[in-house]
Amino acid sequence: AVVSTQSTGNVGMKHMLGNKWRSQFDVVICLSQKPKFFEDKYRVFRRLTRRNTPAFGEVKELKEGEVYCEGNVRDLHRLTGWDPCQILYFGDQMYADLAEPILNQGWHTGAIIRELENEIDLLNSEKYQKNKHVLKELIYLIRVVQRLLPDSSAVIYSDEWCRERKQV
């Protein structure tokens, strides 16, 4: 996981994934300062202390459960041994966060798009789910009646259900 700052990232990740979010990632990196992370091969990783201050000293391996700051993409690959296609990187800025990892690193990426939050909430709402179920049933009934009653009596039923469908 790459987060902006430890405190900001912690709040956001807790909101999305719960209090134990760090256990879902092999490595947590903050303050990577893109694009320097991808461009400056001399920036070293530093372990973040419990007081959120960078510890000095060489980082020879990235340990699970620790939080690191700064660093660079070359050392990330060297210290982890990961193949680029094994990395899933999330970002919220299409060009700054996602273009470099996809185009130049070969990483898989996921976009965090805030504008979709309302849409997702709506799609998960009980009212929407109920209306979706009603619509599916109405469409099914309209098709069955039109197939079984090809005469004018089907029009009466299907017209009524079509009106109901528009209301939902």
Protein backbone atom coordinates (compact mmCIF):
# COMPACT_ATOMS: atom_id res chain seq x y z
CA ALA A 1 0.00 0.00 0.00
CA VAL A 2 1.32 3.43 -0.82
CA VAL A 3 -0.30 6.24 1.16
CA SER A 4 0.37 9.97 1.22
CA THR A 5 1.27 10.37 4.90
CA GLN A 6 1.05 7.77 7.62
CA SER A 7 -1.67 9.62 9.55
CA THR A 8 -3.76 10.56 6.47
CA GLY A 9 -3.33 7.14 4.91
CA ASN A 10 -4.20 5.40 8.16
CA VAL A 11 -7.50 7.27 8.47
CA GLY A 12 -8.48 6.61 4.85
CA MET A 13 -7.48 2.96 4.89
CA LYS A 14 -9.26 2.33 8.21
CA HIS A 15 -12.41 3.82 6.68
CA MET A 16 -12.19 1.57 3.62
CA LEU A 17 -10.75 -1.65 5.03
CA GLY A 18 -11.14 -1.54 8.81
CA ASN A 19 -8.71 -1.21 11.71
CA LYS A 20 -6.50 -4.10 10.61
CA TRP A 21 -5.97 -2.81 7.07
CA ARG A 22 -2.17 -3.10 7.27
CA SER A 23 -2.39 -6.87 7.63
CA GLN A 24 -3.84 -7.01 4.10
CA PHE A 25 -0.64 -5.63 2.54
CA ASP A 26 2.90 -6.95 2.32
CA VAL A 27 4.45 -3.49 2.36
CA VAL A 28 3.17 -0.06 3.41
CA ILE A 29 4.99 2.97 2.00
CA CYS A 30 4.15 6.59 2.78
CA LEU A 31 5.63 9.91 1.72
CA SER A 32 6.87 8.40 -1.53
CA GLN A 33 6.70 11.85 -3.14
CA LYS A 34 5.69 10.86 -6.63
CA PRO A 35 7.15 11.30 -9.20
CA LYS A 36 10.47 11.16 -7.28
CA PHE A 37 9.66 7.59 -6.22
CA PHE A 38 9.72 6.53 -9.87
CA GLU A 39 12.51 8.82 -11.09
CA ASP A 40 15.14 9.27 -8.36
CA LYS A 41 17.05 6.01 -7.89
CA TYR A 42 19.15 7.47 -5.05
CA ARG A 43 16.29 8.05 -2.60
CA VAL A 44 16.55 5.34 0.04
CA PHE A 45 13.78 3.73 2.04
CA ARG A 46 13.57 4.70 5.68
CA ARG A 47 11.58 2.87 8.32
CA LEU A 48 8.96 4.97 10.04
CA THR A 49 9.14 4.83 13.84
CA ARG A 50 6.14 4.46 16.15
CA ARG A 51 6.23 8.26 16.56
CA ASN A 52 5.92 8.67 12.75
CA THR A 53 9.45 9.95 12.32
CA PRO A 54 11.85 8.49 9.76
CA ALA A 55 14.56 6.30 11.29
CA PHE A 56 18.02 6.68 9.85
CA GLY A 57 20.04 3.71 8.82
CA GLU A 58 20.09 1.45 5.83
CA VAL A 59 16.99 -0.58 5.08
CA LYS A 60 18.20 -3.97 3.84
CA GLU A 61 14.76 -5.55 3.57
CA LEU A 62 11.14 -4.43 3.62
CA LYS A 63 9.52 -6.31 6.51
CA GLU A 64 5.85 -7.10 6.77
CA GLY A 65 4.13 -5.01 9.45
CA GLU A 66 6.59 -2.13 9.20
CA VAL A 67 5.84 1.21 7.57
CA TYR A 68 8.44 2.79 5.30
CA CYS A 69 8.78 6.21 3.76
CA GLU A 70 10.44 7.67 0.70
CA GLY A 71 12.46 5.13 -1.31
CA ASN A 72 12.37 4.42 -5.01
CA VAL A 73 10.86 1.92 -7.42
CA ARG A 74 14.18 0.24 -8.26
CA ASP A 75 14.86 -0.56 -4.60
CA LEU A 76 11.28 -1.71 -4.09
CA HIS A 77 11.82 -4.38 -6.74
CA ARG A 78 15.31 -5.22 -5.47
CA LEU A 79 14.30 -5.52 -1.79
CA THR A 80 11.14 -7.51 -2.41
CA GLY A 81 12.07 -9.56 -5.46
CA TRP A 82 8.56 -9.07 -6.78
CA ASP A 83 7.83 -9.36 -10.45
CA PRO A 84 6.18 -6.10 -11.63
CA CYS A 85 3.00 -7.95 -12.61
CA GLN A 86 2.61 -9.05 -8.96
CA ILE A 87 2.16 -5.48 -7.77
CA LEU A 88 -1.26 -3.87 -7.35
CA TYR A 89 -1.04 -0.12 -6.93
CA PHE A 90 -3.95 2.18 -6.05
CA GLY A 91 -4.12 5.87 -6.85
CA ASP A 92 -6.62 8.69 -7.08
CA GLN A 93 -5.02 10.79 -9.82
CA MET A 94 -5.25 9.28 -13.28
CA TYR A 95 -2.00 10.60 -14.69
CA ALA A 96 0.24 11.22 -11.67
CA ASP A 97 -0.70 8.01 -9.86
CA LEU A 98 -1.66 5.53 -12.55
CA ALA A 99 0.16 6.30 -15.81
CA GLU A 100 3.71 5.65 -14.56
CA PRO A 101 2.95 2.37 -12.76
CA ILE A 102 1.05 0.99 -15.77
CA LEU A 103 3.11 2.29 -18.68
CA ASN A 104 6.65 2.18 -17.34
CA GLN A 105 6.57 -0.31 -14.46
CA GLY A 106 4.09 -2.93 -15.69
CA TRP A 107 2.14 -2.86 -12.43
CA HIS A 108 -1.58 -3.54 -12.09
CA THR A 109 -3.45 -0.47 -10.90
CA GLY A 110 -6.73 0.40 -9.28
CA ALA A 111 -8.29 3.83 -9.48
CA ILE A 112 -9.94 5.43 -6.47
CA ILE A 113 -12.57 7.68 -8.00
CA ARG A 114 -14.40 9.77 -5.42
CA GLU A 115 -17.15 10.71 -7.86
CA LEU A 116 -18.31 7.09 -7.88
CA GLU A 117 -18.98 7.01 -4.14
CA ASN A 118 -22.56 8.31 -4.49
CA GLU A 119 -23.24 5.92 -7.37
CA ILE A 120 -21.98 2.95 -5.37
CA ASP A 121 -24.04 3.97 -2.33
CA LEU A 122 -27.12 4.23 -4.54
CA LEU A 123 -26.52 0.85 -6.19
CA ASN A 124 -26.15 -0.77 -2.77
CA SER A 125 -29.23 0.88 -1.25
CA GLU A 126 -32.20 -1.23 -0.26
CA LYS A 127 -34.59 0.90 -2.33
CA TYR A 128 -32.51 0.46 -5.49
CA GLN A 129 -32.19 -3.29 -4.95
CA LYS A 130 -35.96 -3.59 -4.46
CA ASN A 131 -36.70 -1.52 -7.58
CA LYS A 132 -34.21 -3.54 -9.60
CA HIS A 133 -35.95 -6.76 -8.53
CA VAL A 134 -39.39 -5.35 -9.41
CA LEU A 135 -38.13 -4.22 -12.83
CA LYS A 136 -36.66 -7.63 -13.60
CA GLU A 137 -39.96 -9.29 -12.66
CA LEU A 138 -42.01 -6.86 -14.75
CA ILE A 139 -39.79 -7.38 -17.79
CA TYR A 140 -40.08 -11.13 -17.34
CA LEU A 141 -43.90 -10.93 -17.09
CA ILE A 142 -44.15 -8.68 -20.16
CA ARG A 143 -42.08 -11.12 -22.23
CA VAL A 144 -44.03 -14.17 -21.04
CA VAL A 145 -47.41 -12.60 -21.76
CA GLN A 146 -46.29 -11.38 -25.19
CA ARG A 147 -45.06 -14.86 -26.03
CA LEU A 148 -48.08 -16.76 -24.68
CA LEU A 149 -50.84 -14.35 -25.68
CA PRO A 150 -49.97 -12.99 -29.11
CA ASP A 151 -53.43 -11.48 -29.53
CA SER A 152 -54.80 -8.16 -28.26
CA SER A 153 -55.32 -9.43 -24.68
CA ALA A 154 -51.55 -9.41 -24.23
CA VAL A 155 -51.50 -5.70 -25.05
CA ILE A 156 -53.74 -4.91 -22.07
CA TYR A 157 -51.46 -6.69 -19.61
CA SER A 158 -48.19 -5.55 -21.14
CA ASP A 159 -49.32 -1.90 -21.46
CA GLU A 160 -50.21 -1.82 -17.76
CA TRP A 161 -46.90 -3.39 -16.75
CA CYS A 162 -44.98 -1.04 -19.05
CA ARG A 163 -46.58 1.93 -17.29
CA GLU A 164 -45.65 0.44 -13.93
CA ARG A 165 -42.10 -0.16 -15.17
CA LYS A 166 -41.73 3.54 -16.10
CA GLN A 167 -42.87 4.54 -12.59
CA VAL A 168 -40.25 2.37 -10.92
